[in-house]
């Protein structure tokens, strides 16, 4: 007779799952699959109705996209700042390879999309959709291969995805900003200046920053700039270094590290899956194969699969050929190709940009199909390459 499973064992199993790099990606994948199933089930009408129910000034979908995703962007901003000042991107030598690869990985997908949609000026507004990399999905897939993928390649992918996120933030701010409300924008500038003053005064308590961050979100929302960018602005003002002489509990970690640790699991396991569930649902009723041949759909899918591959591998190869950089330690070209394919998993940020680019629900459905198609194909091809070349490397080294 088997012994009962103890609560302590259940807690330890849950803890291992939550601490696993792949878990966030797996939860997000499950949320996306559930959304697609729900949108094509008898619950479809209820699903779409609930998303458009208003709670206060915003619909539930807008709360997910504008408010919850501001917290996601806050975490993205914290990660960018930490890596730039005190991490894998803290020197130009460390930045050049992932930075150039991220730039190439944004340029070529955009070119693929523009080439396929050149004859439709309205569709060109979506050029940035395939430029994004979903860090949770990409790192989740690569972490499944454990020691068969060198740690240096995982670091390269993480750094590339972080720089890619920074590029996406800039793209959203520059190209997807509506008409500006200068009064609200001025108020937001005053709040940012106050946050900067707190930083310079070496205030290490988080509550003043977070309180002002809520006010900043409201003002940015009213200004015409997308409200999620308030999260990035707030992140840039959170102090990275602890203040000498502060109580031990506060100086053990910087405010930035404390907030990042506080947000990591809620963002990975709650906020991003909610966003995925609220936005990945696309009804496939009446969808024919012709939809996959639509320029918008194909532009996104080919941009993610081929554009990312050409952009990342081509840029890395050029830098290596010129002697300006080296492949990540112990990584092969086959593994680099697999990693470049994983960069084509653009789920979260691509969906977000797609919603900003197009307001027509019918066009949004084409966008979602292109993102799902491109991301799934990229993930599968990346996994195949990493599995094949990982085994070959292990065999030759044994």
Protein backbone atom coordinates (compact mmCIF):
# COMPACT_ATOMS: atom_id res chain seq x y z
CA UNK A 1 0.00 0.00 0.00
CA UNK A 2 1.50 3.33 -1.05
CA UNK A 3 2.08 5.96 1.61
CA UNK A 4 0.02 9.17 1.38
CA UNK A 5 1.68 12.25 -0.10
CA UNK A 6 2.51 14.70 2.66
CA UNK A 7 1.58 18.42 2.43
CA UNK A 8 5.28 19.20 2.82
CA UNK A 9 6.08 17.13 -0.29
CA UNK A 10 3.33 18.93 -2.22
CA UNK A 11 4.71 22.29 -1.15
CA UNK A 12 8.26 21.34 -2.17
CA UNK A 13 7.05 20.09 -5.56
CA UNK A 14 5.14 23.34 -6.10
CA UNK A 15 8.21 25.33 -5.03
CA UNK A 16 10.41 23.48 -7.54
CA UNK A 17 7.85 24.16 -10.28
CA UNK A 18 7.63 27.87 -9.46
CA UNK A 19 11.42 28.20 -9.37
CA UNK A 20 11.91 26.38 -12.68
CA UNK A 21 12.81 28.69 -15.61
CA UNK A 22 10.48 26.81 -17.94
CA UNK A 23 7.41 27.06 -15.70
CA UNK A 24 6.37 30.58 -16.71
CA UNK A 25 6.50 29.63 -20.38
CA UNK A 26 4.50 26.46 -19.75
CA UNK A 27 1.78 28.39 -17.87
CA UNK A 28 1.63 30.99 -20.65
CA UNK A 29 1.37 28.23 -23.25
CA UNK A 30 -1.47 26.63 -21.30
CA UNK A 31 -3.28 29.99 -21.07
CA UNK A 32 -2.96 30.51 -24.83
CA UNK A 33 -4.27 27.00 -25.61
CA UNK A 34 -7.14 27.48 -23.16
CA UNK A 35 -8.04 30.81 -24.78
CA UNK A 36 -8.12 29.30 -28.27
CA UNK A 37 -10.19 26.34 -27.04
CA UNK A 38 -12.63 28.64 -25.21
CA UNK A 39 -13.01 30.92 -28.25
CA UNK A 40 -14.02 27.89 -30.32
CA UNK A 41 -16.23 26.14 -27.76
CA UNK A 42 -19.83 26.62 -26.59
CA UNK A 43 -18.34 29.11 -24.09
CA UNK A 44 -17.15 31.42 -26.88
CA UNK A 45 -20.01 33.93 -26.60
CA UNK A 46 -19.53 34.17 -22.83
CA UNK A 47 -15.75 34.51 -23.23
CA UNK A 48 -15.96 37.44 -25.65
CA UNK A 49 -18.80 39.07 -23.70
CA UNK A 50 -16.89 39.01 -20.39
CA UNK A 51 -13.82 40.57 -22.01
CA UNK A 52 -15.92 43.59 -23.02
CA UNK A 53 -17.71 44.03 -19.68
CA UNK A 54 -16.78 47.38 -18.13
CA UNK A 55 -15.46 47.55 -14.58
CA UNK A 56 -15.18 51.25 -13.79
CA UNK A 57 -13.71 53.26 -16.68
CA UNK A 58 -12.24 50.27 -18.56
CA UNK A 59 -13.38 46.94 -19.93
CA UNK A 60 -11.90 43.78 -18.46
CA UNK A 61 -9.74 43.33 -21.56
CA UNK A 62 -8.44 46.89 -21.25
CA UNK A 63 -7.68 46.37 -17.54
CA UNK A 64 -5.57 43.38 -18.60
CA UNK A 65 -3.88 45.20 -21.48
CA UNK A 66 -3.40 48.66 -19.95
CA UNK A 67 -3.15 48.11 -16.19
CA UNK A 68 -1.85 44.59 -15.58
CA UNK A 69 0.60 44.87 -18.46
CA UNK A 70 1.97 48.07 -16.91
CA UNK A 71 3.21 45.82 -14.10
CA UNK A 72 4.74 43.51 -16.72
CA UNK A 73 6.52 46.51 -18.28
CA UNK A 74 7.66 47.58 -14.81
CA UNK A 75 9.38 44.20 -14.41
CA UNK A 76 10.83 44.46 -17.93
CA UNK A 77 12.20 47.90 -17.08
CA UNK A 78 13.72 46.64 -13.83
CA UNK A 79 15.43 43.77 -15.67
CA UNK A 80 16.77 46.10 -18.37
CA UNK A 81 18.16 48.54 -15.78
CA UNK A 82 19.73 45.79 -13.66
CA UNK A 83 21.37 44.07 -16.62
CA UNK A 84 22.63 47.37 -18.07
CA UNK A 85 24.14 48.62 -14.80
CA UNK A 86 25.05 45.49 -12.87
CA UNK A 87 24.59 42.40 -15.03
CA UNK A 88 25.33 40.67 -18.31
CA UNK A 89 24.98 43.95 -20.26
CA UNK A 90 27.05 46.10 -17.91
CA UNK A 91 29.93 46.63 -20.37
CA UNK A 92 30.11 47.33 -24.11
CA UNK A 93 32.05 44.11 -24.63
CA UNK A 94 29.14 42.13 -23.22
CA UNK A 95 26.53 44.17 -25.07
CA UNK A 96 27.90 44.01 -28.59
CA UNK A 97 26.94 40.43 -29.57
CA UNK A 98 23.41 40.23 -28.08
CA UNK A 99 22.83 43.92 -28.86
CA UNK A 100 23.74 43.60 -32.54
CA UNK A 101 21.85 40.29 -32.80
CA UNK A 102 18.76 41.91 -31.25
CA UNK A 103 19.00 44.79 -33.75
CA UNK A 104 19.30 42.38 -36.67
CA UNK A 105 16.50 40.29 -35.16
CA UNK A 106 14.22 43.34 -35.23
CA UNK A 107 15.25 44.74 -38.61
CA UNK A 108 14.83 41.66 -40.80
CA UNK A 109 11.40 40.56 -39.50
CA UNK A 110 10.18 44.10 -40.17
CA UNK A 111 11.63 43.92 -43.70
CA UNK A 112 9.92 40.58 -44.37
CA UNK A 113 6.60 42.03 -43.19
CA UNK A 114 6.97 45.26 -45.20
CA UNK A 115 7.94 43.33 -48.35
CA UNK A 116 4.79 41.20 -48.16
CA UNK A 117 2.48 44.14 -47.33
CA UNK A 118 4.02 46.88 -49.45
CA UNK A 119 0.93 47.27 -51.64
CA UNK A 120 -1.36 47.89 -48.65
CA UNK A 121 -0.45 51.13 -46.79
CA UNK A 122 -2.96 50.40 -43.99
CA UNK A 123 -1.34 47.03 -43.30
CA UNK A 124 2.12 48.59 -43.01
CA UNK A 125 1.14 49.89 -39.59
CA UNK A 126 1.80 46.36 -38.30
CA UNK A 127 5.49 46.28 -39.35
CA UNK A 128 6.69 46.01 -35.73
CA UNK A 129 4.56 42.98 -34.79
CA UNK A 130 7.10 40.27 -35.78
CA UNK A 131 10.08 42.15 -34.32
CA UNK A 132 9.43 41.06 -30.72
CA UNK A 133 10.75 38.05 -28.80
CA UNK A 134 8.77 36.53 -25.92
CA UNK A 135 11.39 36.09 -23.20
CA UNK A 136 9.26 33.75 -21.06
CA UNK A 137 8.51 31.35 -23.93
CA UNK A 138 12.02 31.44 -25.42
CA UNK A 139 13.84 30.88 -22.13
CA UNK A 140 11.25 28.30 -21.14
CA UNK A 141 11.97 26.21 -24.25
CA UNK A 142 15.75 26.48 -24.06
CA UNK A 143 15.77 25.60 -20.35
CA UNK A 144 14.05 22.28 -21.15
CA UNK A 145 17.34 21.07 -22.66
CA UNK A 146 19.29 21.47 -19.42
CA UNK A 147 23.03 20.87 -19.71
CA UNK A 148 22.80 19.99 -23.42
CA UNK A 149 22.74 23.75 -24.06
CA UNK A 150 25.73 25.69 -22.69
CA UNK A 151 24.96 28.29 -20.04
CA UNK A 152 26.61 30.96 -22.20
CA UNK A 153 23.94 30.46 -24.89
CA UNK A 154 21.15 30.84 -22.34
CA UNK A 155 22.76 34.08 -21.14
CA UNK A 156 23.05 35.25 -24.75
CA UNK A 157 19.36 34.54 -25.38
CA UNK A 158 18.30 36.28 -22.16
CA UNK A 159 20.42 39.35 -22.96
CA UNK A 160 19.13 39.45 -26.56
CA UNK A 161 15.51 39.19 -25.36
CA UNK A 162 16.02 41.98 -22.80
CA UNK A 163 17.52 44.30 -25.44
CA UNK A 164 14.68 43.26 -27.76
CA UNK A 165 12.20 44.30 -25.07
CA UNK A 166 13.95 47.67 -24.80
CA UNK A 167 13.62 48.06 -28.57
CA UNK A 168 9.92 47.17 -28.37
CA UNK A 169 9.37 49.78 -25.65
CA UNK A 170 11.00 52.44 -27.85
CA UNK A 171 8.95 51.35 -30.88
CA UNK A 172 5.69 51.56 -28.90
CA UNK A 173 6.58 55.00 -27.53
CA UNK A 174 7.59 56.41 -30.94
CA UNK A 175 5.26 54.72 -33.43
CA UNK A 176 2.15 53.74 -31.48
CA UNK A 177 1.42 56.87 -29.46
CA UNK A 178 -1.93 58.57 -29.97
CA UNK A 179 -2.62 62.30 -29.96
CA UNK A 180 -1.01 63.82 -26.88
CA UNK A 181 -2.72 65.55 -23.96
CA UNK A 182 -0.02 68.04 -23.00
CA UNK A 183 -1.54 68.83 -19.57
CA UNK A 184 -1.51 65.17 -18.52
CA UNK A 185 1.93 64.74 -20.06
CA UNK A 186 3.19 67.71 -18.02
CA UNK A 187 1.77 66.15 -14.86
CA UNK A 188 3.52 62.89 -15.69
CA UNK A 189 6.79 64.78 -16.13
CA UNK A 190 6.38 66.32 -12.66
CA UNK A 191 5.81 62.87 -11.14
CA UNK A 192 8.89 61.49 -12.91
CA UNK A 193 10.92 64.44 -11.60
CA UNK A 194 9.66 63.68 -8.08
CA UNK A 195 10.62 60.02 -8.48
CA UNK A 196 14.07 61.11 -9.64
CA UNK A 197 14.34 63.28 -6.54
CA UNK A 198 13.51 60.30 -4.34
CA UNK A 199 16.22 58.31 -6.12
CA UNK A 200 18.82 61.06 -5.67
CA UNK A 201 17.81 61.42 -2.00
CA UNK A 202 18.60 57.70 -1.62
CA UNK A 203 15.11 56.77 -0.45
CA UNK A 204 15.11 52.96 -0.26
CA UNK A 205 11.53 52.28 0.90
CA UNK A 206 9.44 51.05 -2.01
CA UNK A 207 6.04 52.47 -1.04
CA UNK A 208 6.76 56.10 -2.07
CA UNK A 209 7.86 54.92 -5.53
CA UNK A 210 4.88 52.60 -5.97
CA UNK A 211 2.38 55.20 -4.74
CA UNK A 212 3.71 57.77 -7.19
CA UNK A 213 3.82 55.01 -9.82
CA UNK A 214 0.03 54.62 -9.62
CA UNK A 215 -0.39 58.37 -10.12
CA UNK A 216 2.09 58.21 -13.00
CA UNK A 217 0.06 55.43 -14.66
CA UNK A 218 -3.13 57.53 -14.45
CA UNK A 219 -1.43 60.56 -15.99
CA UNK A 220 0.29 58.59 -18.75
CA UNK A 221 -3.01 56.86 -19.53
CA UNK A 222 -4.64 60.27 -19.94
CA UNK A 223 -1.72 61.70 -21.93
CA UNK A 224 -2.13 59.57 -25.08
CA UNK A 225 1.12 57.65 -24.57
CA UNK A 226 0.32 54.00 -23.94
CA UNK A 227 -0.18 53.56 -20.20
CA UNK A 228 2.09 50.52 -19.95
CA UNK A 229 5.11 52.76 -20.58
CA UNK A 230 4.51 54.23 -17.12
CA UNK A 231 5.87 50.94 -15.80
CA UNK A 232 9.16 51.44 -17.66
CA UNK A 233 9.42 55.07 -16.49
CA UNK A 234 8.90 53.98 -12.89
CA UNK A 235 11.47 51.18 -13.22
CA UNK A 236 14.15 53.62 -14.35
CA UNK A 237 13.69 55.60 -11.10
CA UNK A 238 13.95 52.63 -8.69
CA UNK A 239 17.41 52.72 -7.00
CA UNK A 240 19.73 49.86 -7.83
CA UNK A 241 22.35 50.28 -5.12
CA UNK A 242 21.52 49.99 -1.39
CA UNK A 243 22.27 52.99 0.78
CA UNK A 244 25.15 52.64 3.31
CA UNK A 245 24.00 52.96 6.91
CA UNK A 246 20.41 51.86 6.31
CA UNK A 247 18.90 49.09 8.46
CA UNK A 248 20.22 45.64 7.61
CA UNK A 249 16.84 44.47 6.32
CA UNK A 250 16.83 47.23 3.70
CA UNK A 251 20.51 47.18 2.77
CA UNK A 252 20.67 43.42 2.21
CA UNK A 253 19.31 44.02 -1.29
CA UNK A 254 18.77 47.13 -3.36
CA UNK A 255 15.20 48.45 -3.80
CA UNK A 256 15.36 47.35 -7.44
CA UNK A 257 16.28 43.77 -6.52
CA UNK A 258 13.58 43.62 -3.86
CA UNK A 259 10.89 44.85 -6.23
CA UNK A 260 12.07 42.58 -9.03
CA UNK A 261 11.95 39.55 -6.71
CA UNK A 262 8.53 40.64 -5.48
CA UNK A 263 7.10 40.93 -9.01
CA UNK A 264 8.73 37.98 -10.75
CA UNK A 265 6.30 35.21 -9.81
CA UNK A 266 3.07 37.28 -9.95
CA UNK A 267 4.03 38.52 -13.43
CA UNK A 268 5.11 35.11 -14.74
CA UNK A 269 2.29 33.08 -13.23
CA UNK A 270 -0.63 35.52 -13.04
CA UNK A 271 -0.30 38.71 -15.10
CA UNK A 272 1.17 37.38 -18.35
CA UNK A 273 -1.11 34.29 -18.42
CA UNK A 274 -4.14 36.57 -17.86
CA UNK A 275 -2.99 38.76 -20.76
CA UNK A 276 -2.45 35.66 -22.90
CA UNK A 277 -5.87 34.26 -22.05
CA UNK A 278 -7.58 37.61 -22.70
CA UNK A 279 -5.93 38.15 -26.09
CA UNK A 280 -5.00 34.80 -27.65
CA UNK A 281 -8.59 33.70 -28.11
CA UNK A 282 -9.39 33.73 -31.81
CA UNK A 283 -12.44 32.08 -33.33
CA UNK A 284 -11.51 29.71 -36.12
CA UNK A 285 -15.12 29.31 -37.27
CA UNK A 286 -15.25 29.96 -40.97
CA UNK A 287 -11.48 30.34 -41.22
CA UNK A 288 -10.18 28.86 -44.46
CA UNK A 289 -6.67 28.14 -45.67
CA UNK A 290 -6.86 31.44 -47.54
CA UNK A 291 -6.44 33.27 -44.23
CA UNK A 292 -2.94 31.81 -43.88
CA UNK A 293 -2.05 33.28 -47.26
CA UNK A 294 -3.20 36.78 -46.29
CA UNK A 295 -0.26 39.23 -46.50
CA UNK A 296 -0.67 40.35 -42.87
CA UNK A 297 -0.77 36.77 -41.59
CA UNK A 298 2.13 35.60 -43.76
CA UNK A 299 4.13 38.75 -43.10
CA UNK A 300 3.97 38.16 -39.35
CA UNK A 301 4.58 34.40 -39.55
CA UNK A 302 7.49 34.66 -42.01
CA UNK A 303 8.91 37.61 -40.12
CA UNK A 304 8.99 35.60 -36.92
CA UNK A 305 10.34 32.38 -38.45
CA UNK A 306 12.65 33.51 -41.24
CA UNK A 307 13.23 37.15 -40.35
CA UNK A 308 14.46 36.34 -36.86
CA UNK A 309 16.65 33.51 -38.17
CA UNK A 310 18.28 35.64 -40.87
CA UNK A 311 18.62 38.67 -38.63
CA UNK A 312 20.12 36.94 -35.58
CA UNK A 313 22.35 34.36 -37.29
CA UNK A 314 23.40 36.75 -40.05
CA UNK A 315 24.41 39.46 -37.58
CA UNK A 316 26.30 37.02 -35.34
CA UNK A 317 28.08 35.51 -38.35
CA UNK A 318 29.12 38.96 -39.57
CA UNK A 319 30.53 39.97 -36.18
CA UNK A 320 32.42 36.68 -35.84
CA UNK A 321 33.77 36.98 -39.39
CA UNK A 322 34.99 40.52 -38.70
CA UNK A 323 36.62 39.39 -35.46
CA UNK A 324 34.47 41.75 -33.38
CA UNK A 325 32.90 38.95 -31.33
CA UNK A 326 32.98 35.21 -30.71
CA UNK A 327 30.25 32.62 -30.46
CA UNK A 328 29.08 32.09 -26.85
CA UNK A 329 31.47 29.71 -25.07
CA UNK A 330 31.04 26.01 -25.96
CA UNK A 331 28.15 26.81 -28.33
CA UNK A 332 28.06 25.45 -31.88
CA UNK A 333 26.61 27.11 -34.98
CA UNK A 334 23.81 24.53 -34.95
CA UNK A 335 22.86 25.58 -31.44
CA UNK A 336 23.04 29.24 -32.47
CA UNK A 337 20.60 28.50 -35.31
CA UNK A 338 18.27 26.78 -32.82
CA UNK A 339 18.49 29.78 -30.50
CA UNK A 340 17.75 32.16 -33.39
CA UNK A 341 14.60 30.18 -34.17
CA UNK A 342 13.52 30.53 -30.53
CA UNK A 343 13.82 34.31 -30.93
CA UNK A 344 10.89 33.95 -33.36
CA UNK A 345 8.55 33.09 -30.48
CA UNK A 346 6.97 36.52 -30.27
CA UNK A 347 3.79 35.77 -28.40
CA UNK A 348 3.25 38.31 -25.59
CA UNK A 349 4.90 41.45 -26.98
CA UNK A 350 3.80 40.69 -30.56
CA UNK A 351 0.18 40.38 -29.46
CA UNK A 352 0.52 43.61 -27.53
CA UNK A 353 1.91 45.53 -30.52
CA UNK A 354 -0.69 43.96 -32.80
CA UNK A 355 -3.51 45.27 -30.63
CA UNK A 356 -1.98 48.75 -30.78
CA UNK A 357 -1.45 48.59 -34.54
CA UNK A 358 -4.94 47.49 -35.59
CA UNK A 359 -8.32 48.27 -34.06
CA UNK A 360 -10.41 46.18 -36.47
CA UNK A 361 -11.30 42.84 -34.77
CA UNK A 362 -11.16 41.01 -38.13
CA UNK A 363 -7.61 42.24 -38.77
CA UNK A 364 -6.69 41.43 -35.17
CA UNK A 365 -7.75 37.83 -35.81
CA UNK A 366 -5.37 37.66 -38.78
CA UNK A 367 -2.66 39.12 -36.57
CA UNK A 368 -3.28 36.52 -33.86
CA UNK A 369 -3.22 33.66 -36.37
CA UNK A 370 0.07 34.94 -37.81
CA UNK A 371 1.62 35.27 -34.35
CA UNK A 372 0.45 31.84 -33.24
CA UNK A 373 1.61 30.21 -36.50
CA UNK A 374 5.00 31.92 -36.48
CA UNK A 375 5.61 31.34 -32.78
CA UNK A 376 4.66 27.64 -32.89
CA UNK A 377 6.79 26.94 -35.99
CA UNK A 378 9.73 28.89 -34.51
CA UNK A 379 9.48 27.02 -31.22
CA UNK A 380 9.33 23.61 -32.90
CA UNK A 381 12.24 24.31 -35.27
CA UNK A 382 14.31 25.78 -32.43
CA UNK A 383 13.67 22.76 -30.23
CA UNK A 384 14.56 20.35 -33.07
CA UNK A 385 17.87 22.14 -33.72
CA UNK A 386 18.82 22.30 -30.04
CA UNK A 387 17.91 18.64 -29.53
CA UNK A 388 19.83 17.45 -32.60
CA UNK A 389 22.98 19.49 -32.11
CA UNK A 390 22.87 19.05 -28.34
CA UNK A 391 23.00 15.26 -28.71
CA UNK A 392 25.77 15.47 -31.31
CA UNK A 393 27.86 17.70 -29.05
CA UNK A 394 27.34 15.43 -26.04
CA UNK A 395 28.35 12.41 -28.17
CA UNK A 396 31.54 13.98 -29.51
CA UNK A 397 32.61 15.11 -26.04
CA UNK A 398 31.98 11.74 -24.35
